[in-house]
Amino acid sequence: MIEHEAVAAAAIDLPDETAAEVVKAYVVLNPGHVPSEALERDIRGLARKKLGPSVAPREVVFRKTLSETRSGKIMRRLLKARELGLPEGDISTLESDET
């Protein structure tokens, strides 16, 4: 998805009753781009083209920021824990938290 000019992104897998797992994308847009349904369709279309329909995200969520460690790595485990309502664990290494 980061091949799209508007996107800096993170994706997580979520359990699904019919497909076992599905992908959900959290997208932070590059400056000059605004969230819209058309942009979401464009991002999902690019992912389907590059990755295939079975691994392309089923849902795209736009965020202003994502939780990152001090070294700049996106905390995917935290995204997943929050999505599933699980304990977040140690978040003392966060440099920034999603908004």
PDB file of N, CA and C in Angstrom:
ATOM      1  N   MET A   1       0.810  -1.200   0.000  1.00  0.00           N
ATOM      2  CA  MET A   1       0.000   0.000   0.000  1.00  0.00           C
ATOM      3  C   MET A   1       0.850   1.259   0.000  1.00  0.00           C
ATOM      4  N   ILE A   2       2.071   1.158   0.525  1.00  0.00           N
ATOM      5  CA  ILE A   2       2.886   2.366   0.570  1.00  0.00           C
ATOM      6  C   ILE A   2       3.396   2.763  -0.812  1.00  0.00           C
ATOM      7  N   GLU A   3       3.136   1.949  -1.816  1.00  0.00           N
ATOM      8  CA  GLU A   3       3.445   2.353  -3.186  1.00  0.00           C
ATOM      9  C   GLU A   3       2.499   3.461  -3.655  1.00  0.00           C
ATOM     10  N   HIS A   4       1.358   3.598  -2.990  1.00  0.00           N
ATOM     11  CA  HIS A   4       0.415   4.659  -3.332  1.00  0.00           C
ATOM     12  C   HIS A   4       1.002   5.980  -2.862  1.00  0.00           C
ATOM     13  N   GLU A   5       0.946   7.000  -3.701  1.00  0.00           N
ATOM     14  CA  GLU A   5       1.563   8.289  -3.397  1.00  0.00           C
ATOM     15  C   GLU A   5       1.026   8.959  -2.142  1.00  0.00           C
ATOM     16  N   ALA A   6      -0.174   8.620  -1.721  1.00  0.00           N
ATOM     17  CA  ALA A   6      -0.803   9.283  -0.579  1.00  0.00           C
ATOM     18  C   ALA A   6      -0.516   8.594   0.748  1.00  0.00           C
ATOM     19  N   VAL A   7       0.119   7.415   0.749  1.00  0.00           N
ATOM     20  CA  VAL A   7       0.053   6.533   1.910  1.00  0.00           C
ATOM     21  C   VAL A   7       1.374   6.267   2.620  1.00  0.00           C
ATOM     22  N   ALA A   8       1.275   6.311   3.945  1.00  0.00           N
ATOM     23  CA  ALA A   8       2.214   5.677   4.859  1.00  0.00           C
ATOM     24  C   ALA A   8       1.304   4.809   5.716  1.00  0.00           C
ATOM     25  N   ALA A   9       1.506   3.492   5.797  1.00  0.00           N
ATOM     26  CA  ALA A   9       0.478   2.611   6.348  1.00  0.00           C
ATOM     27  C   ALA A   9       1.020   1.511   7.231  1.00  0.00           C
ATOM     28  N   ALA A  10       0.098   0.887   7.966  1.00  0.00           N
ATOM     29  CA  ALA A  10       0.369  -0.336   8.727  1.00  0.00           C
ATOM     30  C   ALA A  10      -0.839  -1.236   8.553  1.00  0.00           C
ATOM     31  N   ALA A  11      -0.614  -2.521   8.567  1.00  0.00           N
ATOM     32  CA  ALA A  11      -1.723  -3.456   8.416  1.00  0.00           C
ATOM     33  C   ALA A  11      -1.619  -4.536   9.479  1.00  0.00           C
ATOM     34  N   ILE A  12      -2.765  -5.023   9.921  1.00  0.00           N
ATOM     35  CA  ILE A  12      -2.810  -6.116  10.881  1.00  0.00           C
ATOM     36  C   ILE A  12      -3.761  -7.183  10.373  1.00  0.00           C
ATOM     37  N   ASP A  13      -3.566  -8.397  10.856  1.00  0.00           N
ATOM     38  CA  ASP A  13      -4.501  -9.468  10.537  1.00  0.00           C
ATOM     39  C   ASP A  13      -5.470  -9.627  11.698  1.00  0.00           C
ATOM     40  N   LEU A  14      -6.702  -9.931  11.365  1.00  0.00           N
ATOM     41  CA  LEU A  14      -7.742 -10.121  12.375  1.00  0.00           C
ATOM     42  C   LEU A  14      -8.436 -11.447  12.127  1.00  0.00           C
ATOM     43  N   PRO A  15      -8.857 -12.116  13.186  1.00  0.00           N
ATOM     44  CA  PRO A  15      -9.591 -13.366  12.993  1.00  0.00           C
ATOM     45  C   PRO A  15     -10.916 -13.098  12.289  1.00  0.00           C
ATOM     46  N   ASP A  16     -11.328 -14.058  11.465  1.00  0.00           N
ATOM     47  CA  ASP A  16     -12.584 -13.950  10.746  1.00  0.00           C
ATOM     48  C   ASP A  16     -13.228 -15.330  10.699  1.00  0.00           C
ATOM     49  N   GLU A  17     -14.529 -15.382  10.930  1.00  0.00           N
ATOM     50  CA  GLU A  17     -15.224 -16.671  10.991  1.00  0.00           C
ATOM     51  C   GLU A  17     -15.213 -17.415   9.659  1.00  0.00           C
ATOM     52  N   THR A  18     -15.309 -16.705   8.550  1.00  0.00           N
ATOM     53  CA  THR A  18     -15.383 -17.385   7.262  1.00  0.00           C
ATOM     54  C   THR A  18     -14.034 -17.523   6.567  1.00  0.00           C
ATOM     55  N   ALA A  19     -13.153 -16.550   6.716  1.00  0.00           N
ATOM     56  CA  ALA A  19     -11.879 -16.574   5.988  1.00  0.00           C
ATOM     57  C   ALA A  19     -10.687 -16.915   6.873  1.00  0.00           C
ATOM     58  N   ALA A  20     -10.910 -17.231   8.128  1.00  0.00           N
ATOM     59  CA  ALA A  20      -9.857 -17.495   9.119  1.00  0.00           C
ATOM     60  C   ALA A  20      -9.171 -16.199   9.544  1.00  0.00           C
ATOM     61  N   GLU A  21      -8.645 -15.427   8.592  1.00  0.00           N
ATOM     62  CA  GLU A  21      -8.034 -14.138   8.897  1.00  0.00           C
ATOM     63  C   GLU A  21      -8.326 -13.156   7.777  1.00  0.00           C
ATOM     64  N   VAL A  22      -8.444 -11.890   8.141  1.00  0.00           N
ATOM     65  CA  VAL A  22      -8.593 -10.814   7.162  1.00  0.00           C
ATOM     66  C   VAL A  22      -7.614  -9.700   7.528  1.00  0.00           C
ATOM     67  N   VAL A  23      -7.331  -8.849   6.573  1.00  0.00           N
ATOM     68  CA  VAL A  23      -6.390  -7.750   6.782  1.00  0.00           C
ATOM     69  C   VAL A  23      -7.165  -6.452   6.964  1.00  0.00           C
ATOM     70  N   LYS A  24      -6.731  -5.678   7.956  1.00  0.00           N
ATOM     71  CA  LYS A  24      -7.266  -4.340   8.177  1.00  0.00           C
ATOM     72  C   LYS A  24      -6.091  -3.380   8.085  1.00  0.00           C
ATOM     73  N   ALA A  25      -6.240  -2.328   7.306  1.00  0.00           N
ATOM     74  CA  ALA A  25      -5.152  -1.370   7.111  1.00  0.00           C
ATOM     75  C   ALA A  25      -5.432  -0.096   7.883  1.00  0.00           C
ATOM     76  N   TYR A  26      -4.418   0.376   8.569  1.00  0.00           N
ATOM     77  CA  TYR A  26      -4.446   1.684   9.222  1.00  0.00           C
ATOM     78  C   TYR A  26      -3.554   2.578   8.383  1.00  0.00           C
ATOM     79  N   VAL A  27      -4.120   3.645   7.875  1.00  0.00           N
ATOM     80  CA  VAL A  27      -3.409   4.472   6.912  1.00  0.00           C
ATOM     81  C   VAL A  27      -3.215   5.883   7.443  1.00  0.00           C
ATOM     82  N   VAL A  28      -1.964   6.328   7.406  1.00  0.00           N
ATOM     83  CA  VAL A  28      -1.623   7.715   7.667  1.00  0.00           C
ATOM     84  C   VAL A  28      -1.301   8.308   6.304  1.00  0.00           C
ATOM     85  N   LEU A  29      -1.957   9.394   5.985  1.00  0.00           N
ATOM     86  CA  LEU A  29      -1.769   9.995   4.672  1.00  0.00           C
ATOM     87  C   LEU A  29      -0.586  10.955   4.657  1.00  0.00           C
ATOM     88  N   ASN A  30       0.079  10.978   3.540  1.00  0.00           N
ATOM     89  CA  ASN A  30       1.160  11.932   3.343  1.00  0.00           C
ATOM     90  C   ASN A  30       0.572  13.332   3.239  1.00  0.00           C
ATOM     91  N   PRO A  31       1.371  14.371   3.518  1.00  0.00           N
ATOM     92  CA  PRO A  31       0.873  15.743   3.435  1.00  0.00           C
ATOM     93  C   PRO A  31       0.258  16.044   2.065  1.00  0.00           C
ATOM     94  N   GLY A  32      -0.834  16.793   2.098  1.00  0.00           N
ATOM     95  CA  GLY A  32      -1.507  17.181   0.871  1.00  0.00           C
ATOM     96  C   GLY A  32      -2.622  16.242   0.445  1.00  0.00           C
ATOM     97  N   HIS A  33      -2.843  15.173   1.191  1.00  0.00           N
ATOM     98  CA  HIS A  33      -3.912  14.230   0.863  1.00  0.00           C
ATOM     99  C   HIS A  33      -4.928  14.211   1.998  1.00  0.00           C
ATOM    100  N   VAL A  34      -6.198  14.067   1.639  1.00  0.00           N
ATOM    101  CA  VAL A  34      -7.266  14.034   2.637  1.00  0.00           C
ATOM    102  C   VAL A  34      -8.049  12.734   2.511  1.00  0.00           C
ATOM    103  N   PRO A  35      -8.529  12.195   3.643  1.00  0.00           N
ATOM    104  CA  PRO A  35      -9.306  10.955   3.604  1.00  0.00           C
ATOM    105  C   PRO A  35     -10.592  11.140   2.807  1.00  0.00           C
ATOM    106  N   SER A  36     -10.935  10.120   2.037  1.00  0.00           N
ATOM    107  CA  SER A  36     -12.201  10.125   1.303  1.00  0.00           C
ATOM    108  C   SER A  36     -12.533   8.694   0.905  1.00  0.00           C
ATOM    109  N   GLU A  37     -13.786   8.469   0.561  1.00  0.00           N
ATOM    110  CA  GLU A  37     -14.198   7.137   0.101  1.00  0.00           C
ATOM    111  C   GLU A  37     -13.484   6.783  -1.205  1.00  0.00           C
ATOM    112  N   ALA A  38     -13.310   7.776  -2.078  1.00  0.00           N
ATOM    113  CA  ALA A  38     -12.634   7.522  -3.352  1.00  0.00           C
ATOM    114  C   ALA A  38     -11.177   7.121  -3.117  1.00  0.00           C
ATOM    115  N   LEU A  39     -10.515   7.786  -2.188  1.00  0.00           N
ATOM    116  CA  LEU A  39      -9.135   7.437  -1.886  1.00  0.00           C
ATOM    117  C   LEU A  39      -9.056   6.045  -1.270  1.00  0.00           C
ATOM    118  N   GLU A  40      -9.988   5.715  -0.397  1.00  0.00           N
ATOM    119  CA  GLU A  40     -10.022   4.376   0.188  1.00  0.00           C
ATOM    120  C   GLU A  40     -10.183   3.318  -0.904  1.00  0.00           C
ATOM    121  N   ARG A  41     -11.096   3.534  -1.831  1.00  0.00           N
ATOM    122  CA  ARG A  41     -11.280   2.582  -2.942  1.00  0.00           C
ATOM    123  C   ARG A  41     -10.013   2.464  -3.784  1.00  0.00           C
ATOM    124  N   ASP A  42      -9.349   3.576  -4.020  1.00  0.00           N
ATOM    125  CA  ASP A  42      -8.125   3.581  -4.802  1.00  0.00           C
ATOM    126  C   ASP A  42      -7.017   2.784  -4.103  1.00  0.00           C
ATOM    127  N   ILE A  43      -6.883   2.968  -2.789  1.00  0.00           N
ATOM    128  CA  ILE A  43      -5.876   2.244  -2.007  1.00  0.00           C
ATOM    129  C   ILE A  43      -6.181   0.753  -2.005  1.00  0.00           C
ATOM    130  N   ARG A  44      -7.430   0.400  -1.769  1.00  0.00           N
ATOM    131  CA  ARG A  44      -7.809  -1.020  -1.767  1.00  0.00           C
ATOM    132  C   ARG A  44      -7.620  -1.643  -3.147  1.00  0.00           C
ATOM    133  N   GLY A  45      -7.930  -0.887  -4.201  1.00  0.00           N
ATOM    134  CA  GLY A  45      -7.742  -1.383  -5.563  1.00  0.00           C
ATOM    135  C   GLY A  45      -6.274  -1.646  -5.868  1.00  0.00           C
ATOM    136  N   LEU A  46      -5.399  -0.743  -5.447  1.00  0.00           N
ATOM    137  CA  LEU A  46      -3.965  -0.940  -5.650  1.00  0.00           C
ATOM    138  C   LEU A  46      -3.482  -2.175  -4.900  1.00  0.00           C
ATOM    139  N   ALA A  47      -3.948  -2.340  -3.666  1.00  0.00           N
ATOM    140  CA  ALA A  47      -3.549  -3.514  -2.879  1.00  0.00           C
ATOM    141  C   ALA A  47      -4.031  -4.796  -3.543  1.00  0.00           C
ATOM    142  N   ARG A  48      -5.256  -4.811  -4.059  1.00  0.00           N
ATOM    143  CA  ARG A  48      -5.768  -6.004  -4.749  1.00  0.00           C
ATOM    144  C   ARG A  48      -4.932  -6.328  -5.985  1.00  0.00           C
ATOM    145  N   LYS A  49      -4.564  -5.286  -6.708  1.00  0.00           N
ATOM    146  CA  LYS A  49      -3.782  -5.470  -7.928  1.00  0.00           C
ATOM    147  C   LYS A  49      -2.387  -6.013  -7.603  1.00  0.00           C
ATOM    148  N   LYS A  50      -1.751  -5.455  -6.590  1.00  0.00           N
ATOM    149  CA  LYS A  50      -0.378  -5.838  -6.246  1.00  0.00           C
ATOM    150  C   LYS A  50      -0.297  -7.136  -5.444  1.00  0.00           C
ATOM    151  N   LEU A  51      -1.266  -7.359  -4.548  1.00  0.00           N
ATOM    152  CA  LEU A  51      -1.192  -8.480  -3.613  1.00  0.00           C
ATOM    153  C   LEU A  51      -2.175  -9.610  -3.926  1.00  0.00           C
ATOM    154  N   GLY A  52      -3.248  -9.282  -4.591  1.00  0.00           N
ATOM    155  CA  GLY A  52      -4.308 -10.251  -4.838  1.00  0.00           C
ATOM    156  C   GLY A  52      -5.469 -10.020  -3.893  1.00  0.00           C
ATOM    157  N   PRO A  53      -6.657 -10.421  -4.303  1.00  0.00           N
ATOM    158  CA  PRO A  53      -7.852 -10.143  -3.504  1.00  0.00           C
ATOM    159  C   PRO A  53      -7.892 -10.850  -2.155  1.00  0.00           C
ATOM    160  N   SER A  54      -7.240 -11.985  -2.034  1.00  0.00           N
ATOM    161  CA  SER A  54      -7.326 -12.722  -0.769  1.00  0.00           C
ATOM    162  C   SER A  54      -6.511 -12.081   0.348  1.00  0.00           C
ATOM    163  N   VAL A  55      -5.495 -11.282   0.021  1.00  0.00           N
ATOM    164  CA  VAL A  55      -4.676 -10.658   1.066  1.00  0.00           C
ATOM    165  C   VAL A  55      -4.782  -9.136   1.088  1.00  0.00           C
ATOM    166  N   ALA A  56      -5.567  -8.576   0.188  1.00  0.00           N
ATOM    167  CA  ALA A  56      -5.791  -7.133   0.210  1.00  0.00           C
ATOM    168  C   ALA A  56      -6.650  -6.780   1.423  1.00  0.00           C
ATOM    169  N   PRO A  57      -6.478  -5.597   1.990  1.00  0.00           N
ATOM    170  CA  PRO A  57      -7.270  -5.234   3.170  1.00  0.00           C
ATOM    171  C   PRO A  57      -8.756  -5.146   2.860  1.00  0.00           C
ATOM    172  N   ARG A  58      -9.539  -5.656   3.783  1.00  0.00           N
ATOM    173  CA  ARG A  58     -10.997  -5.538   3.657  1.00  0.00           C
ATOM    174  C   ARG A  58     -11.493  -4.202   4.174  1.00  0.00           C
ATOM    175  N   GLU A  59     -10.690  -3.608   5.045  1.00  0.00           N
ATOM    176  CA  GLU A  59     -11.082  -2.326   5.635  1.00  0.00           C
ATOM    177  C   GLU A  59      -9.862  -1.422   5.699  1.00  0.00           C
ATOM    178  N   VAL A  60     -10.086  -0.149   5.411  1.00  0.00           N
ATOM    179  CA  VAL A  60      -9.035   0.868   5.502  1.00  0.00           C
ATOM    180  C   VAL A  60      -9.526   1.922   6.485  1.00  0.00           C
ATOM    181  N   VAL A  61      -8.698   2.201   7.492  1.00  0.00           N
ATOM    182  CA  VAL A  61      -9.027   3.211   8.500  1.00  0.00           C
ATOM    183  C   VAL A  61      -7.980   4.305   8.415  1.00  0.00           C
ATOM    184  N   PHE A  62      -8.423   5.535   8.228  1.00  0.00           N
ATOM    185  CA  PHE A  62      -7.499   6.662   8.165  1.00  0.00           C
ATOM    186  C   PHE A  62      -7.218   7.169   9.574  1.00  0.00           C
ATOM    187  N   ARG A  63      -5.947   7.418   9.860  1.00  0.00           N
ATOM    188  CA  ARG A  63      -5.526   7.952  11.162  1.00  0.00           C
ATOM    189  C   ARG A  63      -4.603   9.137  10.941  1.00  0.00           C
ATOM    190  N   LYS A  64      -4.531  10.016  11.931  1.00  0.00           N
ATOM    191  CA  LYS A  64      -3.582  11.135  11.871  1.00  0.00           C
ATOM    192  C   LYS A  64      -2.171  10.644  12.161  1.00  0.00           C
ATOM    193  N   THR A  65      -2.050   9.736  13.133  1.00  0.00           N
ATOM    194  CA  THR A  65      -0.759   9.144  13.484  1.00  0.00           C
ATOM    195  C   THR A  65      -0.998   7.695  13.887  1.00  0.00           C
ATOM    196  N   LEU A  66       0.089   6.955  14.024  1.00  0.00           N
ATOM    197  CA  LEU A  66       0.038   5.594  14.540  1.00  0.00           C
ATOM    198  C   LEU A  66       1.015   5.476  15.704  1.00  0.00           C
ATOM    199  N   SER A  67       0.728   4.565  16.608  1.00  0.00           N
ATOM    200  CA  SER A  67       1.614   4.343  17.744  1.00  0.00           C
ATOM    201  C   SER A  67       2.970   3.866  17.242  1.00  0.00           C
ATOM    202  N   GLU A  68       4.017   4.549  17.675  1.00  0.00           N
ATOM    203  CA  GLU A  68       5.369   4.199  17.255  1.00  0.00           C
ATOM    204  C   GLU A  68       6.292   4.084  18.456  1.00  0.00           C
ATOM    205  N   THR A  69       7.310   3.248  18.291  1.00  0.00           N
ATOM    206  CA  THR A  69       8.358   3.157  19.298  1.00  0.00           C
ATOM    207  C   THR A  69       9.305   4.346  19.125  1.00  0.00           C
ATOM    208  N   ARG A  70      10.229   4.499  20.032  1.00  0.00           N
ATOM    209  CA  ARG A  70      11.200   5.586  19.925  1.00  0.00           C
ATOM    210  C   ARG A  70      12.061   5.466  18.677  1.00  0.00           C
ATOM    211  N   SER A  71      12.227   4.240  18.190  1.00  0.00           N
ATOM    212  CA  SER A  71      13.022   4.035  16.976  1.00  0.00           C
ATOM    213  C   SER A  71      12.192   4.192  15.703  1.00  0.00           C
ATOM    214  N   GLY A  72      10.889   4.510  15.833  1.00  0.00           N
ATOM    215  CA  GLY A  72      10.050   4.792  14.684  1.00  0.00           C
ATOM    216  C   GLY A  72       9.297   3.610  14.113  1.00  0.00           C
ATOM    217  N   LYS A  73       9.334   2.477  14.787  1.00  0.00           N
ATOM    218  CA  LYS A  73       8.599   1.309  14.298  1.00  0.00           C
ATOM    219  C   LYS A  73       7.140   1.375  14.755  1.00  0.00           C
ATOM    220  N   ILE A  74       6.239   1.055  13.845  1.00  0.00           N
ATOM    221  CA  ILE A  74       4.816   1.065  14.173  1.00  0.00           C
ATOM    222  C   ILE A  74       4.503  -0.133  15.064  1.00  0.00           C
ATOM    223  N   MET A  75       3.757   0.103  16.125  1.00  0.00           N
ATOM    224  CA  MET A  75       3.417  -0.939  17.094  1.00  0.00           C
ATOM    225  C   MET A  75       2.187  -1.721  16.622  1.00  0.00           C
ATOM    226  N   ARG A  76       2.399  -2.651  15.710  1.00  0.00           N
ATOM    227  CA  ARG A  76       1.286  -3.436  15.173  1.00  0.00           C
ATOM    228  C   ARG A  76       0.603  -4.271  16.255  1.00  0.00           C
ATOM    229  N   ARG A  77       1.377  -4.781  17.196  1.00  0.00           N
ATOM    230  CA  ARG A  77       0.768  -5.590  18.262  1.00  0.00           C
ATOM    231  C   ARG A  77      -0.205  -4.746  19.083  1.00  0.00           C
ATOM    232  N   LEU A  78       0.095  -3.467  19.250  1.00  0.00           N
ATOM    233  CA  LEU A  78      -0.800  -2.575  19.984  1.00  0.00           C
ATOM    234  C   LEU A  78      -2.069  -2.301  19.177  1.00  0.00           C
ATOM    235  N   LEU A  79      -1.929  -2.102  17.868  1.00  0.00           N
ATOM    236  CA  LEU A  79      -3.106  -1.931  17.008  1.00  0.00           C
ATOM    237  C   LEU A  79      -4.020  -3.140  17.117  1.00  0.00           C
ATOM    238  N   LYS A  80      -3.426  -4.328  17.058  1.00  0.00           N
ATOM    239  CA  LYS A  80      -4.206  -5.552  17.112  1.00  0.00           C
ATOM    240  C   LYS A  80      -4.867  -5.726  18.481  1.00  0.00           C
ATOM    241  N   ALA A  81      -4.126  -5.462  19.559  1.00  0.00           N
ATOM    242  CA  ALA A  81      -4.690  -5.593  20.903  1.00  0.00           C
ATOM    243  C   ALA A  81      -5.878  -4.648  21.085  1.00  0.00           C
ATOM    244  N   ARG A  82      -5.738  -3.420  20.624  1.00  0.00           N
ATOM    245  CA  ARG A  82      -6.833  -2.456  20.747  1.00  0.00           C
ATOM    246  C   ARG A  82      -8.031  -2.868  19.896  1.00  0.00           C
ATOM    247  N   GLU A  83      -7.774  -3.376  18.729  1.00  0.00           N
ATOM    248  CA  GLU A  83      -8.851  -3.816  17.835  1.00  0.00           C
ATOM    249  C   GLU A  83      -9.638  -4.973  18.442  1.00  0.00           C
ATOM    250  N   LEU A  84      -8.929  -5.903  19.089  1.00  0.00           N
ATOM    251  CA  LEU A  84      -9.562  -7.100  19.631  1.00  0.00           C
ATOM    252  C   LEU A  84      -9.967  -6.968  21.100  1.00  0.00           C
ATOM    253  N   GLY A  85      -9.668  -5.806  21.711  1.00  0.00           N
ATOM    254  CA  GLY A  85     -10.007  -5.599  23.115  1.00  0.00           C
ATOM    255  C   GLY A  85      -9.155  -6.415  24.061  1.00  0.00           C
ATOM    256  N   LEU A  86      -7.907  -6.688  23.661  1.00  0.00           N
ATOM    257  CA  LEU A  86      -6.979  -7.468  24.482  1.00  0.00           C
ATOM    258  C   LEU A  86      -6.087  -6.538  25.294  1.00  0.00           C
ATOM    259  N   PRO A  87      -5.403  -7.062  26.326  1.00  0.00           N
ATOM    260  CA  PRO A  87      -4.479  -6.227  27.081  1.00  0.00           C
ATOM    261  C   PRO A  87      -3.394  -5.659  26.164  1.00  0.00           C
ATOM    262  N   GLU A  88      -3.043  -4.403  26.388  1.00  0.00           N
ATOM    263  CA  GLU A  88      -2.061  -3.738  25.533  1.00  0.00           C
ATOM    264  C   GLU A  88      -0.629  -4.125  25.852  1.00  0.00           C
ATOM    265  N   GLY A  89      -0.387  -4.626  27.045  1.00  0.00           N
ATOM    266  CA  GLY A  89       0.980  -4.977  27.413  1.00  0.00           C
ATOM    267  C   GLY A  89       1.810  -3.732  27.688  1.00  0.00           C
ATOM    268  N   ASP A  90       3.116  -3.890  27.631  1.00  0.00           N
ATOM    269  CA  ASP A  90       4.043  -2.803  27.938  1.00  0.00           C
ATOM    270  C   ASP A  90       4.039  -1.775  26.809  1.00  0.00           C
ATOM    271  N   ILE A  91       3.641  -0.553  27.139  1.00  0.00           N
ATOM    272  CA  ILE A  91       3.661   0.512  26.136  1.00  0.00           C
ATOM    273  C   ILE A  91       4.632   1.623  26.538  1.00  0.00           C
ATOM    274  N   SER A  92       5.568   1.279  27.415  1.00  0.00           N
ATOM    275  CA  SER A  92       6.529   2.276  27.895  1.00  0.00           C
ATOM    276  C   SER A  92       7.504   2.719  26.810  1.00  0.00           C
ATOM    277  N   THR A  93       7.629   1.947  25.730  1.00  0.00           N
ATOM    278  CA  THR A  93       8.562   2.313  24.660  1.00  0.00           C
ATOM    279  C   THR A  93       7.928   3.167  23.584  1.00  0.00           C
ATOM    280  N   LEU A  94       6.674   3.590  23.774  1.00  0.00           N
ATOM    281  CA  LEU A  94       6.000   4.394  22.760  1.00  0.00           C
ATOM    282  C   LEU A  94       6.595   5.791  22.690  1.00  0.00           C
ATOM    283  N   GLU A  95       6.871   6.219  21.496  1.00  0.00           N
ATOM    284  CA  GLU A  95       7.293   7.597  21.275  1.00  0.00           C
ATOM    285  C   GLU A  95       6.062   8.464  21.032  1.00  0.00           C
ATOM    286  N   SER A  96       5.122   7.923  20.271  1.00  0.00           N
ATOM    287  CA  SER A  96       3.872   8.629  19.997  1.00  0.00           C
ATOM    288  C   SER A  96       2.736   7.623  20.015  1.00  0.00           C
ATOM    289  N   ASP A  97       1.548   8.111  20.315  1.00  0.00           N
ATOM    290  CA  ASP A  97       0.373   7.243  20.350  1.00  0.00           C
ATOM    291  C   ASP A  97      -0.576   7.706  19.265  1.00  0.00           C
ATOM    292  N   GLU A  98      -1.330   6.773  18.707  1.00  0.00           N
ATOM    293  CA  GLU A  98      -2.253   7.089  17.617  1.00  0.00           C
ATOM    294  C   GLU A  98      -3.335   8.055  18.075  1.00  0.00           C
ATOM    295  N   THR A  99      -3.768   8.857  17.143  1.00  0.00           N
ATOM    296  CA  THR A  99      -4.855   9.801  17.415  1.00  0.00           C
ATOM    297  C   THR A  99      -5.869   9.739  16.306  1.00  0.00           C
TER     298      THR A  99
END
